[in-house]
Amino acid sequence: MALVPKMLQVLGEELAVVWSDGAESYLPLTTVRRLCPCAGCSGERDLLGRLAKPPGKPLTRESFQAVSTVPVGGYAVQIFWADGHSDGLFPYVKLREWAEHPPDLPPVSAFPLLPVR
C-alpha cells in the first residue's frame, strides 16, 4: 500500500499530515520551505551530474507562510506560499522522511526584507 496522506493541512506554523497508516506528522513550515525541491531553490543537475543552482533569493516572513496546498496526482503536494512562490512539488515520501528524520538545517536568523522597527 502506498503511503499517502488521509489529511494534510496547514496548522499555524506547521504542515500537519495524517498518513494512511495512522501516523501523524507535524513539519515546521520553515523547514518545508527551506527544503523546496524546485530547480530555482535546490538547483538542477546537467547531463554530467553537475549541480547548477541560481543565487538564493532573500526570504521574508511571507516566505514561510503557506496560503494553500493542492495535491498533485497521488504522490505529492504543491504548496502556495504568501511570497508568491509555488514551483516546488513536495513528494509524500519526502515529507514522511523529513518528519521521521528531521534534516539538520541551520536556524533562520534574519528576514532581510523586513523593515527595522
PDB file of N, CA and C in Angstrom:
ATOM      1  N   MET A   1       0.842  -1.183   0.000  1.00  0.00           N
ATOM      2  CA  MET A   1       0.000   0.000   0.000  1.00  0.00           C
ATOM      3  C   MET A   1       0.885   1.243   0.000  1.00  0.00           C
ATOM      4  N   ALA A   2       0.598   2.174  -0.865  1.00  0.00           N
ATOM      5  CA  ALA A   2       1.365   3.410  -0.940  1.00  0.00           C
ATOM      6  C   ALA A   2       1.046   4.287   0.267  1.00  0.00           C
ATOM      7  N   LEU A   3       2.055   4.940   0.764  1.00  0.00           N
ATOM      8  CA  LEU A   3       1.889   5.828   1.905  1.00  0.00           C
ATOM      9  C   LEU A   3       1.425   7.185   1.398  1.00  0.00           C
ATOM     10  N   VAL A   4       0.184   7.525   1.670  1.00  0.00           N
ATOM     11  CA  VAL A   4      -0.394   8.794   1.228  1.00  0.00           C
ATOM     12  C   VAL A   4      -1.105   9.452   2.406  1.00  0.00           C
ATOM     13  N   PRO A   5      -1.261  10.756   2.347  1.00  0.00           N
ATOM     14  CA  PRO A   5      -1.990  11.444   3.422  1.00  0.00           C
ATOM     15  C   PRO A   5      -3.492  11.161   3.360  1.00  0.00           C
ATOM     16  N   LYS A   6      -4.082  10.911   4.498  1.00  0.00           N
ATOM     17  CA  LYS A   6      -5.538  10.887   4.606  1.00  0.00           C
ATOM     18  C   LYS A   6      -6.032  12.315   4.807  1.00  0.00           C
ATOM     19  N   MET A   7      -5.173  13.129   5.441  1.00  0.00           N
ATOM     20  CA  MET A   7      -5.480  14.530   5.689  1.00  0.00           C
ATOM     21  C   MET A   7      -4.169  15.298   5.685  1.00  0.00           C
ATOM     22  N   LEU A   8      -4.169  16.457   5.047  1.00  0.00           N
ATOM     23  CA  LEU A   8      -2.994  17.317   5.003  1.00  0.00           C
ATOM     24  C   LEU A   8      -3.493  18.749   5.074  1.00  0.00           C
ATOM     25  N   GLN A   9      -3.021  19.503   6.083  1.00  0.00           N
ATOM     26  CA  GLN A   9      -3.444  20.895   6.189  1.00  0.00           C
ATOM     27  C   GLN A   9      -2.417  21.709   6.957  1.00  0.00           C
ATOM     28  N   VAL A  10      -2.477  23.004   6.757  1.00  0.00           N
ATOM     29  CA  VAL A  10      -1.607  23.928   7.472  1.00  0.00           C
ATOM     30  C   VAL A  10      -2.272  24.264   8.797  1.00  0.00           C
ATOM     31  N   LEU A  11      -1.528  24.048   9.875  1.00  0.00           N
ATOM     32  CA  LEU A  11      -1.999  24.399  11.220  1.00  0.00           C
ATOM     33  C   LEU A  11      -0.984  25.357  11.826  1.00  0.00           C
ATOM     34  N   GLY A  12      -1.317  26.629  11.857  1.00  0.00           N
ATOM     35  CA  GLY A  12      -0.388  27.612  12.397  1.00  0.00           C
ATOM     36  C   GLY A  12       0.888  27.663  11.576  1.00  0.00           C
ATOM     37  N   GLU A  13       2.004  27.322  12.201  1.00  0.00           N
ATOM     38  CA  GLU A  13       3.299  27.364  11.530  1.00  0.00           C
ATOM     39  C   GLU A  13       3.796  25.970  11.165  1.00  0.00           C
ATOM     40  N   GLU A  14       2.868  25.008  11.062  1.00  0.00           N
ATOM     41  CA  GLU A  14       3.235  23.636  10.727  1.00  0.00           C
ATOM     42  C   GLU A  14       2.357  23.072   9.619  1.00  0.00           C
ATOM     43  N   LEU A  15       2.920  22.101   8.918  1.00  0.00           N
ATOM     44  CA  LEU A  15       2.157  21.310   7.965  1.00  0.00           C
ATOM     45  C   LEU A  15       1.800  20.017   8.687  1.00  0.00           C
ATOM     46  N   ALA A  16       0.519  19.807   8.927  1.00  0.00           N
ATOM     47  CA  ALA A  16       0.055  18.623   9.656  1.00  0.00           C
ATOM     48  C   ALA A  16      -0.410  17.574   8.651  1.00  0.00           C
ATOM     49  N   VAL A  17       0.048  16.332   8.856  1.00  0.00           N
ATOM     50  CA  VAL A  17      -0.299  15.243   7.955  1.00  0.00           C
ATOM     51  C   VAL A  17      -0.741  14.042   8.772  1.00  0.00           C
ATOM     52  N   VAL A  18      -1.901  13.504   8.424  1.00  0.00           N
ATOM     53  CA  VAL A  18      -2.335  12.212   8.958  1.00  0.00           C
ATOM     54  C   VAL A  18      -2.180  11.228   7.809  1.00  0.00           C
ATOM     55  N   TRP A  19      -1.331  10.217   8.029  1.00  0.00           N
ATOM     56  CA  TRP A  19      -0.979   9.270   6.973  1.00  0.00           C
ATOM     57  C   TRP A  19      -1.941   8.099   6.911  1.00  0.00           C
ATOM     58  N   SER A  20      -1.939   7.404   5.785  1.00  0.00           N
ATOM     59  CA  SER A  20      -2.829   6.258   5.572  1.00  0.00           C
ATOM     60  C   SER A  20      -2.558   5.120   6.546  1.00  0.00           C
ATOM     61  N   ASP A  21      -1.368   5.092   7.172  1.00  0.00           N
ATOM     62  CA  ASP A  21      -1.074   4.050   8.160  1.00  0.00           C
ATOM     63  C   ASP A  21      -1.424   4.497   9.583  1.00  0.00           C
ATOM     64  N   GLY A  22      -2.042   5.686   9.720  1.00  0.00           N
ATOM     65  CA  GLY A  22      -2.469   6.181  11.025  1.00  0.00           C
ATOM     66  C   GLY A  22      -1.465   7.087  11.714  1.00  0.00           C
ATOM     67  N   ALA A  23      -0.241   7.156  11.234  1.00  0.00           N
ATOM     68  CA  ALA A  23       0.767   8.027  11.835  1.00  0.00           C
ATOM     69  C   ALA A  23       0.431   9.489  11.556  1.00  0.00           C
ATOM     70  N   GLU A  24       0.909  10.371  12.434  1.00  0.00           N
ATOM     71  CA  GLU A  24       0.735  11.802  12.263  1.00  0.00           C
ATOM     72  C   GLU A  24       2.093  12.472  12.200  1.00  0.00           C
ATOM     73  N   SER A  25       2.208  13.480  11.350  1.00  0.00           N
ATOM     74  CA  SER A  25       3.446  14.242  11.216  1.00  0.00           C
ATOM     75  C   SER A  25       3.121  15.726  11.302  1.00  0.00           C
ATOM     76  N   TYR A  26       4.032  16.456  11.929  1.00  0.00           N
ATOM     77  CA  TYR A  26       3.912  17.905  12.032  1.00  0.00           C
ATOM     78  C   TYR A  26       5.250  18.500  11.618  1.00  0.00           C
ATOM     79  N   LEU A  27       5.281  19.087  10.435  1.00  0.00           N
ATOM     80  CA  LEU A  27       6.524  19.635   9.888  1.00  0.00           C
ATOM     81  C   LEU A  27       6.499  21.156   9.966  1.00  0.00           C
ATOM     82  N   PRO A  28       7.533  21.771  10.539  1.00  0.00           N
ATOM     83  CA  PRO A  28       7.588  23.232  10.557  1.00  0.00           C
ATOM     84  C   PRO A  28       7.618  23.779   9.124  1.00  0.00           C
ATOM     85  N   LEU A  29       6.801  24.781   8.863  1.00  0.00           N
ATOM     86  CA  LEU A  29       6.765  25.369   7.525  1.00  0.00           C
ATOM     87  C   LEU A  29       8.112  25.958   7.140  1.00  0.00           C
ATOM     88  N   THR A  30       8.877  26.453   8.102  1.00  0.00           N
ATOM     89  CA  THR A  30      10.204  26.983   7.781  1.00  0.00           C
ATOM     90  C   THR A  30      11.084  25.880   7.201  1.00  0.00           C
ATOM     91  N   THR A  31      10.995  24.695   7.753  1.00  0.00           N
ATOM     92  CA  THR A  31      11.791  23.568   7.252  1.00  0.00           C
ATOM     93  C   THR A  31      11.323  23.158   5.861  1.00  0.00           C
ATOM     94  N   VAL A  32      10.016  23.032   5.687  1.00  0.00           N
ATOM     95  CA  VAL A  32       9.471  22.612   4.393  1.00  0.00           C
ATOM     96  C   VAL A  32       9.885  23.592   3.305  1.00  0.00           C
ATOM     97  N   ARG A  33       9.748  24.888   3.565  1.00  0.00           N
ATOM     98  CA  ARG A  33      10.098  25.883   2.546  1.00  0.00           C
ATOM     99  C   ARG A  33      11.592  25.843   2.230  1.00  0.00           C
ATOM    100  N   ARG A  34      12.422  25.709   3.254  1.00  0.00           N
ATOM    101  CA  ARG A  34      13.869  25.699   3.023  1.00  0.00           C
ATOM    102  C   ARG A  34      14.318  24.448   2.278  1.00  0.00           C
ATOM    103  N   LEU A  35      13.498  23.404   2.275  1.00  0.00           N
ATOM    104  CA  LEU A  35      13.812  22.182   1.545  1.00  0.00           C
ATOM    105  C   LEU A  35      13.069  22.107   0.214  1.00  0.00           C
ATOM    106  N   CYS A  36      12.549  23.230  -0.255  1.00  0.00           N
ATOM    107  CA  CYS A  36      11.807  23.253  -1.514  1.00  0.00           C
ATOM    108  C   CYS A  36      12.634  22.583  -2.616  1.00  0.00           C
ATOM    109  N   PRO A  37      12.052  21.581  -3.281  1.00  0.00           N
ATOM    110  CA  PRO A  37      12.802  20.833  -4.289  1.00  0.00           C
ATOM    111  C   PRO A  37      12.813  21.442  -5.686  1.00  0.00           C
ATOM    112  N   CYS A  38      12.221  22.609  -5.877  1.00  0.00           N
ATOM    113  CA  CYS A  38      12.181  23.173  -7.236  1.00  0.00           C
ATOM    114  C   CYS A  38      13.585  23.556  -7.691  1.00  0.00           C
ATOM    115  N   ALA A  39      13.770  23.657  -8.992  1.00  0.00           N
ATOM    116  CA  ALA A  39      15.079  23.977  -9.568  1.00  0.00           C
ATOM    117  C   ALA A  39      15.558  25.359  -9.145  1.00  0.00           C
ATOM    118  N   GLY A  40      14.644  26.291  -8.934  1.00  0.00           N
ATOM    119  CA  GLY A  40      15.035  27.627  -8.515  1.00  0.00           C
ATOM    120  C   GLY A  40      15.575  27.673  -7.094  1.00  0.00           C
ATOM    121  N   CYS A  41      15.119  26.766  -6.243  1.00  0.00           N
ATOM    122  CA  CYS A  41      15.589  26.736  -4.849  1.00  0.00           C
ATOM    123  C   CYS A  41      16.721  25.735  -4.644  1.00  0.00           C
ATOM    124  N   SER A  42      16.567  24.542  -5.174  1.00  0.00           N
ATOM    125  CA  SER A  42      17.535  23.463  -4.934  1.00  0.00           C
ATOM    126  C   SER A  42      18.512  23.267  -6.076  1.00  0.00           C
ATOM    127  N   GLY A  43      18.254  23.888  -7.209  1.00  0.00           N
ATOM    128  CA  GLY A  43      19.110  23.704  -8.369  1.00  0.00           C
ATOM    129  C   GLY A  43      18.699  22.480  -9.161  1.00  0.00           C
ATOM    130  N   GLU A  44      19.425  22.237 -10.247  1.00  0.00           N
ATOM    131  CA  GLU A  44      19.165  21.049 -11.059  1.00  0.00           C
ATOM    132  C   GLU A  44      20.479  20.564 -11.657  1.00  0.00           C
ATOM    133  N   ARG A  45      20.534  19.286 -11.947  1.00  0.00           N
ATOM    134  CA  ARG A  45      21.762  18.682 -12.453  1.00  0.00           C
ATOM    135  C   ARG A  45      21.734  18.625 -13.979  1.00  0.00           C
ATOM    136  N   ASP A  46      22.914  18.837 -14.580  1.00  0.00           N
ATOM    137  CA  ASP A  46      23.026  18.708 -16.026  1.00  0.00           C
ATOM    138  C   ASP A  46      23.313  17.243 -16.373  1.00  0.00           C
ATOM    139  N   LEU A  47      23.553  16.964 -17.651  1.00  0.00           N
ATOM    140  CA  LEU A  47      23.778  15.585 -18.096  1.00  0.00           C
ATOM    141  C   LEU A  47      25.018  14.944 -17.475  1.00  0.00           C
ATOM    142  N   LEU A  48      25.958  15.756 -17.021  1.00  0.00           N
ATOM    143  CA  LEU A  48      27.170  15.229 -16.409  1.00  0.00           C
ATOM    144  C   LEU A  48      27.057  15.143 -14.883  1.00  0.00           C
ATOM    145  N   GLY A  49      25.884  15.496 -14.365  1.00  0.00           N
ATOM    146  CA  GLY A  49      25.668  15.406 -12.927  1.00  0.00           C
ATOM    147  C   GLY A  49      26.083  16.632 -12.141  1.00  0.00           C
ATOM    148  N   ARG A  50      26.527  17.690 -12.828  1.00  0.00           N
ATOM    149  CA  ARG A  50      26.933  18.911 -12.129  1.00  0.00           C
ATOM    150  C   ARG A  50      25.698  19.697 -11.706  1.00  0.00           C
ATOM    151  N   LEU A  51      25.724  20.190 -10.476  1.00  0.00           N
ATOM    152  CA  LEU A  51      24.596  20.941  -9.940  1.00  0.00           C
ATOM    153  C   LEU A  51      24.691  22.404 -10.354  1.00  0.00           C
ATOM    154  N   ALA A  52      23.664  22.896 -11.008  1.00  0.00           N
ATOM    155  CA  ALA A  52      23.549  24.309 -11.349  1.00  0.00           C
ATOM    156  C   ALA A  52      22.488  24.895 -10.427  1.00  0.00           C
ATOM    157  N   LYS A  53      22.883  25.863  -9.628  1.00  0.00           N
ATOM    158  CA  LYS A  53      21.957  26.442  -8.657  1.00  0.00           C
ATOM    159  C   LYS A  53      22.012  27.958  -8.776  1.00  0.00           C
ATOM    160  N   PRO A  54      20.850  28.589  -8.956  1.00  0.00           N
ATOM    161  CA  PRO A  54      20.841  30.049  -9.047  1.00  0.00           C
ATOM    162  C   PRO A  54      21.156  30.665  -7.686  1.00  0.00           C
ATOM    163  N   PRO A  55      21.506  31.951  -7.664  1.00  0.00           N
ATOM    164  CA  PRO A  55      21.737  32.619  -6.376  1.00  0.00           C
ATOM    165  C   PRO A  55      20.463  32.561  -5.535  1.00  0.00           C
ATOM    166  N   GLY A  56      20.636  32.381  -4.249  1.00  0.00           N
ATOM    167  CA  GLY A  56      19.483  32.307  -3.358  1.00  0.00           C
ATOM    168  C   GLY A  56      18.751  33.634  -3.267  1.00  0.00           C
ATOM    169  N   LYS A  57      17.441  33.545  -3.198  1.00  0.00           N
ATOM    170  CA  LYS A  57      16.625  34.747  -3.033  1.00  0.00           C
ATOM    171  C   LYS A  57      16.448  35.001  -1.534  1.00  0.00           C
ATOM    172  N   PRO A  58      16.400  36.273  -1.137  1.00  0.00           N
ATOM    173  CA  PRO A  58      16.183  36.561   0.281  1.00  0.00           C
ATOM    174  C   PRO A  58      14.808  36.054   0.718  1.00  0.00           C
ATOM    175  N   LEU A  59      14.741  35.513   1.912  1.00  0.00           N
ATOM    176  CA  LEU A  59      13.485  35.002   2.447  1.00  0.00           C
ATOM    177  C   LEU A  59      12.909  36.011   3.430  1.00  0.00           C
ATOM    178  N   THR A  60      11.598  36.168   3.392  1.00  0.00           N
ATOM    179  CA  THR A  60      10.883  37.070   4.293  1.00  0.00           C
ATOM    180  C   THR A  60       9.923  36.241   5.131  1.00  0.00           C
ATOM    181  N   ARG A  61       9.233  36.869   6.019  1.00  0.00           N
ATOM    182  CA  ARG A  61       8.230  36.138   6.822  1.00  0.00           C
ATOM    183  C   ARG A  61       7.188  35.474   5.917  1.00  0.00           C
ATOM    184  N   GLU A  62       6.832  36.167   4.826  1.00  0.00           N
ATOM    185  CA  GLU A  62       5.852  35.611   3.898  1.00  0.00           C
ATOM    186  C   GLU A  62       6.361  34.341   3.211  1.00  0.00           C
ATOM    187  N   SER A  63       7.676  34.200   3.135  1.00  0.00           N
ATOM    188  CA  SER A  63       8.268  33.013   2.514  1.00  0.00           C
ATOM    189  C   SER A  63       7.924  31.740   3.281  1.00  0.00           C
ATOM    190  N   PHE A  64       7.564  31.873   4.547  1.00  0.00           N
ATOM    191  CA  PHE A  64       7.291  30.713   5.394  1.00  0.00           C
ATOM    192  C   PHE A  64       5.821  30.580   5.757  1.00  0.00           C
ATOM    193  N   GLN A  65       4.964  31.349   5.094  1.00  0.00           N
ATOM    194  CA  GLN A  65       3.528  31.278   5.340  1.00  0.00           C
ATOM    195  C   GLN A  65       2.849  30.589   4.168  1.00  0.00           C
ATOM    196  N   ALA A  66       2.294  29.423   4.423  1.00  0.00           N
ATOM    197  CA  ALA A  66       1.597  28.680   3.374  1.00  0.00           C
ATOM    198  C   ALA A  66       0.181  29.225   3.234  1.00  0.00           C
ATOM    199  N   VAL A  67      -0.186  29.561   2.007  1.00  0.00           N
ATOM    200  CA  VAL A  67      -1.513  30.101   1.724  1.00  0.00           C
ATOM    201  C   VAL A  67      -2.483  28.968   1.419  1.00  0.00           C
ATOM    202  N   SER A  68      -2.021  27.980   0.633  1.00  0.00           N
ATOM    203  CA  SER A  68      -2.874  26.843   0.290  1.00  0.00           C
ATOM    204  C   SER A  68      -2.013  25.679  -0.185  1.00  0.00           C
ATOM    205  N   THR A  69      -2.647  24.519  -0.270  1.00  0.00           N
ATOM    206  CA  THR A  69      -1.983  23.318  -0.777  1.00  0.00           C
ATOM    207  C   THR A  69      -2.902  22.645  -1.786  1.00  0.00           C
ATOM    208  N   VAL A  70      -2.283  21.982  -2.765  1.00  0.00           N
ATOM    209  CA  VAL A  70      -3.041  21.258  -3.787  1.00  0.00           C
ATOM    210  C   VAL A  70      -2.362  19.913  -4.012  1.00  0.00           C
ATOM    211  N   PRO A  71      -3.114  18.809  -3.921  1.00  0.00           N
ATOM    212  CA  PRO A  71      -2.492  17.511  -4.213  1.00  0.00           C
ATOM    213  C   PRO A  71      -2.120  17.412  -5.689  1.00  0.00           C
ATOM    214  N   VAL A  72      -1.018  16.728  -5.959  1.00  0.00           N
ATOM    215  CA  VAL A  72      -0.550  16.513  -7.333  1.00  0.00           C
ATOM    216  C   VAL A  72      -0.504  15.009  -7.543  1.00  0.00           C
ATOM    217  N   GLY A  73      -1.420  14.509  -8.384  1.00  0.00           N
ATOM    218  CA  GLY A  73      -1.504  13.066  -8.577  1.00  0.00           C
ATOM    219  C   GLY A  73      -1.702  12.383  -7.235  1.00  0.00           C
ATOM    220  N   GLY A  74      -1.135  11.229  -7.075  1.00  0.00           N
ATOM    221  CA  GLY A  74      -1.217  10.512  -5.807  1.00  0.00           C
ATOM    222  C   GLY A  74       0.121  10.472  -5.113  1.00  0.00           C
ATOM    223  N   TYR A  75       1.033  11.404  -5.483  1.00  0.00           N
ATOM    224  CA  TYR A  75       2.396  11.278  -4.973  1.00  0.00           C
ATOM    225  C   TYR A  75       2.968  12.531  -4.318  1.00  0.00           C
ATOM    226  N   ALA A  76       2.335  13.694  -4.458  1.00  0.00           N
ATOM    227  CA  ALA A  76       2.959  14.924  -3.972  1.00  0.00           C
ATOM    228  C   ALA A  76       1.915  15.981  -3.645  1.00  0.00           C
ATOM    229  N   VAL A  77       2.402  17.063  -3.047  1.00  0.00           N
ATOM    230  CA  VAL A  77       1.565  18.227  -2.773  1.00  0.00           C
ATOM    231  C   VAL A  77       2.315  19.462  -3.256  1.00  0.00           C
ATOM    232  N   GLN A  78       1.568  20.397  -3.832  1.00  0.00           N
ATOM    233  CA  GLN A  78       2.118  21.695  -4.226  1.00  0.00           C
ATOM    234  C   GLN A  78       1.680  22.692  -3.168  1.00  0.00           C
ATOM    235  N   ILE A  79       2.637  23.467  -2.676  1.00  0.00           N
ATOM    236  CA  ILE A  79       2.339  24.450  -1.636  1.00  0.00           C
ATOM    237  C   ILE A  79       2.475  25.847  -2.229  1.00  0.00           C
ATOM    238  N   PHE A  80       1.477  26.666  -1.990  1.00  0.00           N
ATOM    239  CA  PHE A  80       1.478  28.052  -2.431  1.00  0.00           C
ATOM    240  C   PHE A  80       1.824  28.921  -1.220  1.00  0.00           C
ATOM    241  N   TRP A  81       2.932  29.664  -1.347  1.00  0.00           N
ATOM    242  CA  TRP A  81       3.461  30.462  -0.247  1.00  0.00           C
ATOM    243  C   TRP A  81       3.033  31.912  -0.391  1.00  0.00           C
ATOM    244  N   ALA A  82       2.957  32.633   0.718  1.00  0.00           N
ATOM    245  CA  ALA A  82       2.479  34.019   0.732  1.00  0.00           C
ATOM    246  C   ALA A  82       3.372  34.966  -0.066  1.00  0.00           C
ATOM    247  N   ASP A  83       4.627  34.586  -0.317  1.00  0.00           N
ATOM    248  CA  ASP A  83       5.510  35.452  -1.113  1.00  0.00           C
ATOM    249  C   ASP A  83       5.376  35.201  -2.613  1.00  0.00           C
ATOM    250  N   GLY A  84       4.433  34.347  -3.009  1.00  0.00           N
ATOM    251  CA  GLY A  84       4.179  34.085  -4.423  1.00  0.00           C
ATOM    252  C   GLY A  84       4.868  32.841  -4.964  1.00  0.00           C
ATOM    253  N   HIS A  85       5.739  32.215  -4.200  1.00  0.00           N
ATOM    254  CA  HIS A  85       6.444  31.018  -4.667  1.00  0.00           C
ATOM    255  C   HIS A  85       5.502  29.812  -4.634  1.00  0.00           C
ATOM    256  N   SER A  86       5.563  28.989  -5.681  1.00  0.00           N
ATOM    257  CA  SER A  86       4.724  27.781  -5.713  1.00  0.00           C
ATOM    258  C   SER A  86       5.289  26.736  -6.665  1.00  0.00           C
ATOM    259  N   ASP A  87       6.563  26.820  -6.997  1.00  0.00           N
ATOM    260  CA  ASP A  87       7.142  25.919  -8.001  1.00  0.00           C
ATOM    261  C   ASP A  87       7.433  24.511  -7.489  1.00  0.00           C
ATOM    262  N   GLY A  88       7.639  24.340  -6.192  1.00  0.00           N
ATOM    263  CA  GLY A  88       8.047  23.037  -5.681  1.00  0.00           C
ATOM    264  C   GLY A  88       6.904  22.049  -5.540  1.00  0.00           C
ATOM    265  N   LEU A  89       7.164  20.816  -5.943  1.00  0.00           N
ATOM    266  CA  LEU A  89       6.246  19.709  -5.678  1.00  0.00           C
ATOM    267  C   LEU A  89       6.901  18.864  -4.592  1.00  0.00           C
ATOM    268  N   PHE A  90       6.223  18.706  -3.479  1.00  0.00           N
ATOM    269  CA  PHE A  90       6.771  18.009  -2.330  1.00  0.00           C
ATOM    270  C   PHE A  90       6.237  16.576  -2.309  1.00  0.00           C
ATOM    271  N   PRO A  91       7.070  15.592  -2.691  1.00  0.00           N
ATOM    272  CA  PRO A  91       6.624  14.195  -2.690  1.00  0.00           C
ATOM    273  C   PRO A  91       6.261  13.742  -1.275  1.00  0.00           C
ATOM    274  N   TYR A  92       5.180  12.976  -1.169  1.00  0.00           N
ATOM    275  CA  TYR A  92       4.743  12.490   0.136  1.00  0.00           C
ATOM    276  C   TYR A  92       5.839  11.693   0.824  1.00  0.00           C
ATOM    277  N   VAL A  93       6.588  10.913   0.067  1.00  0.00           N
ATOM    278  CA  VAL A  93       7.642  10.095   0.662  1.00  0.00           C
ATOM    279  C   VAL A  93       8.705  10.985   1.323  1.00  0.00           C
ATOM    280  N   LYS A  94       8.997  12.149   0.735  1.00  0.00           N
ATOM    281  CA  LYS A  94       9.979  13.065   1.331  1.00  0.00           C
ATOM    282  C   LYS A  94       9.407  13.723   2.579  1.00  0.00           C
ATOM    283  N   LEU A  95       8.136  14.112   2.555  1.00  0.00           N
ATOM    284  CA  LEU A  95       7.526  14.707   3.736  1.00  0.00           C
ATOM    285  C   LEU A  95       7.573  13.736   4.915  1.00  0.00           C
ATOM    286  N   ARG A  96       7.272  12.475   4.651  1.00  0.00           N
ATOM    287  CA  ARG A  96       7.311  11.471   5.719  1.00  0.00           C
ATOM    288  C   ARG A  96       8.748  11.286   6.215  1.00  0.00           C
ATOM    289  N   GLU A  97       9.695  11.247   5.280  1.00  0.00           N
ATOM    290  CA  GLU A  97      11.104  11.107   5.654  1.00  0.00           C
ATOM    291  C   GLU A  97      11.556  12.278   6.522  1.00  0.00           C
ATOM    292  N   TRP A  98      11.212  13.511   6.129  1.00  0.00           N
ATOM    293  CA  TRP A  98      11.602  14.686   6.903  1.00  0.00           C
ATOM    294  C   TRP A  98      10.949  14.689   8.281  1.00  0.00           C
ATOM    295  N   ALA A  99       9.723  14.165   8.375  1.00  0.00           N
ATOM    296  CA  ALA A  99       9.042  14.111   9.667  1.00  0.00           C
ATOM    297  C   ALA A  99       9.710  13.098  10.597  1.00  0.00           C
ATOM    298  N   GLU A 100      10.099  11.962  10.042  1.00  0.00           N
ATOM    299  CA  GLU A 100      10.700  10.908  10.868  1.00  0.00           C
ATOM    300  C   GLU A 100      12.167  11.179  11.175  1.00  0.00           C
ATOM    301  N   HIS A 101      12.867  11.841  10.259  1.00  0.00           N
ATOM    302  CA  HIS A 101      14.289  12.153  10.426  1.00  0.00           C
ATOM    303  C   HIS A 101      14.495  13.612  10.021  1.00  0.00           C
ATOM    304  N   PRO A 102      14.191  14.554  10.937  1.00  0.00           N
ATOM    305  CA  PRO A 102      14.285  15.973  10.581  1.00  0.00           C
ATOM    306  C   PRO A 102      15.676  16.333  10.063  1.00  0.00           C
ATOM    307  N   PRO A 103      15.724  17.037   8.948  1.00  0.00           N
ATOM    308  CA  PRO A 103      17.020  17.449   8.391  1.00  0.00           C
ATOM    309  C   PRO A 103      17.706  18.442   9.318  1.00  0.00           C
ATOM    310  N   ASP A 104      19.006  18.402   9.301  1.00  0.00           N
ATOM    311  CA  ASP A 104      19.809  19.306  10.129  1.00  0.00           C
ATOM    312  C   ASP A 104      20.057  20.586   9.333  1.00  0.00           C
ATOM    313  N   LEU A 105      19.260  21.598   9.593  1.00  0.00           N
ATOM    314  CA  LEU A 105      19.383  22.885   8.901  1.00  0.00           C
ATOM    315  C   LEU A 105      19.814  23.956   9.889  1.00  0.00           C
ATOM    316  N   PRO A 106      20.643  24.890   9.464  1.00  0.00           N
ATOM    317  CA  PRO A 106      20.992  25.997  10.367  1.00  0.00           C
ATOM    318  C   PRO A 106      19.752  26.851  10.624  1.00  0.00           C
ATOM    319  N   PRO A 107      19.679  27.503  11.782  1.00  0.00           N
ATOM    320  CA  PRO A 107      18.500  28.322  12.077  1.00  0.00           C
ATOM    321  C   PRO A 107      18.389  29.507  11.131  1.00  0.00           C
ATOM    322  N   VAL A 108      17.176  29.945  10.910  1.00  0.00           N
ATOM    323  CA  VAL A 108      16.939  31.161  10.135  1.00  0.00           C
ATOM    324  C   VAL A 108      17.056  32.298  11.132  1.00  0.00           C
ATOM    325  N   SER A 109      18.046  33.149  10.939  1.00  0.00           N
ATOM    326  CA  SER A 109      18.311  34.181  11.935  1.00  0.00           C
ATOM    327  C   SER A 109      17.771  35.553  11.555  1.00  0.00           C
ATOM    328  N   ALA A 110      17.451  35.771  10.290  1.00  0.00           N
ATOM    329  CA  ALA A 110      17.020  37.102   9.884  1.00  0.00           C
ATOM    330  C   ALA A 110      16.083  37.024   8.694  1.00  0.00           C
ATOM    331  N   PHE A 111      15.261  38.016   8.581  1.00  0.00           N
ATOM    332  CA  PHE A 111      14.387  38.184   7.430  1.00  0.00           C
ATOM    333  C   PHE A 111      14.786  39.515   6.822  1.00  0.00           C
ATOM    334  N   PRO A 112      15.723  39.529   5.875  1.00  0.00           N
ATOM    335  CA  PRO A 112      16.363  40.763   5.421  1.00  0.00           C
ATOM    336  C   PRO A 112      15.465  41.781   4.759  1.00  0.00           C
ATOM    337  N   LEU A 113      14.301  41.396   4.259  1.00  0.00           N
ATOM    338  CA  LEU A 113      13.459  42.383   3.569  1.00  0.00           C
ATOM    339  C   LEU A 113      12.420  43.029   4.465  1.00  0.00           C
ATOM    340  N   LEU A 114      12.478  42.757   5.767  1.00  0.00           N
ATOM    341  CA  LEU A 114      11.505  43.363   6.668  1.00  0.00           C
ATOM    342  C   LEU A 114      12.012  44.711   7.146  1.00  0.00           C
ATOM    343  N   PRO A 115      11.113  45.666   7.320  1.00  0.00           N
ATOM    344  CA  PRO A 115      11.552  46.966   7.843  1.00  0.00           C
ATOM    345  C   PRO A 115      12.009  46.826   9.288  1.00  0.00           C
ATOM    346  N   VAL A 116      13.010  47.593   9.651  1.00  0.00           N
ATOM    347  CA  VAL A 116      13.516  47.593  11.015  1.00  0.00           C
ATOM    348  C   VAL A 116      12.626  48.487  11.843  1.00  0.00           C
ATOM    349  N   ARG A 117      12.208  47.983  12.992  1.00  0.00           N
ATOM    350  CA  ARG A 117      11.308  48.770  13.874  1.00  0.00           C
ATOM    351  C   ARG A 117      12.021  49.152  15.124  1.00  0.00           C
TER     352      ARG A 117
END
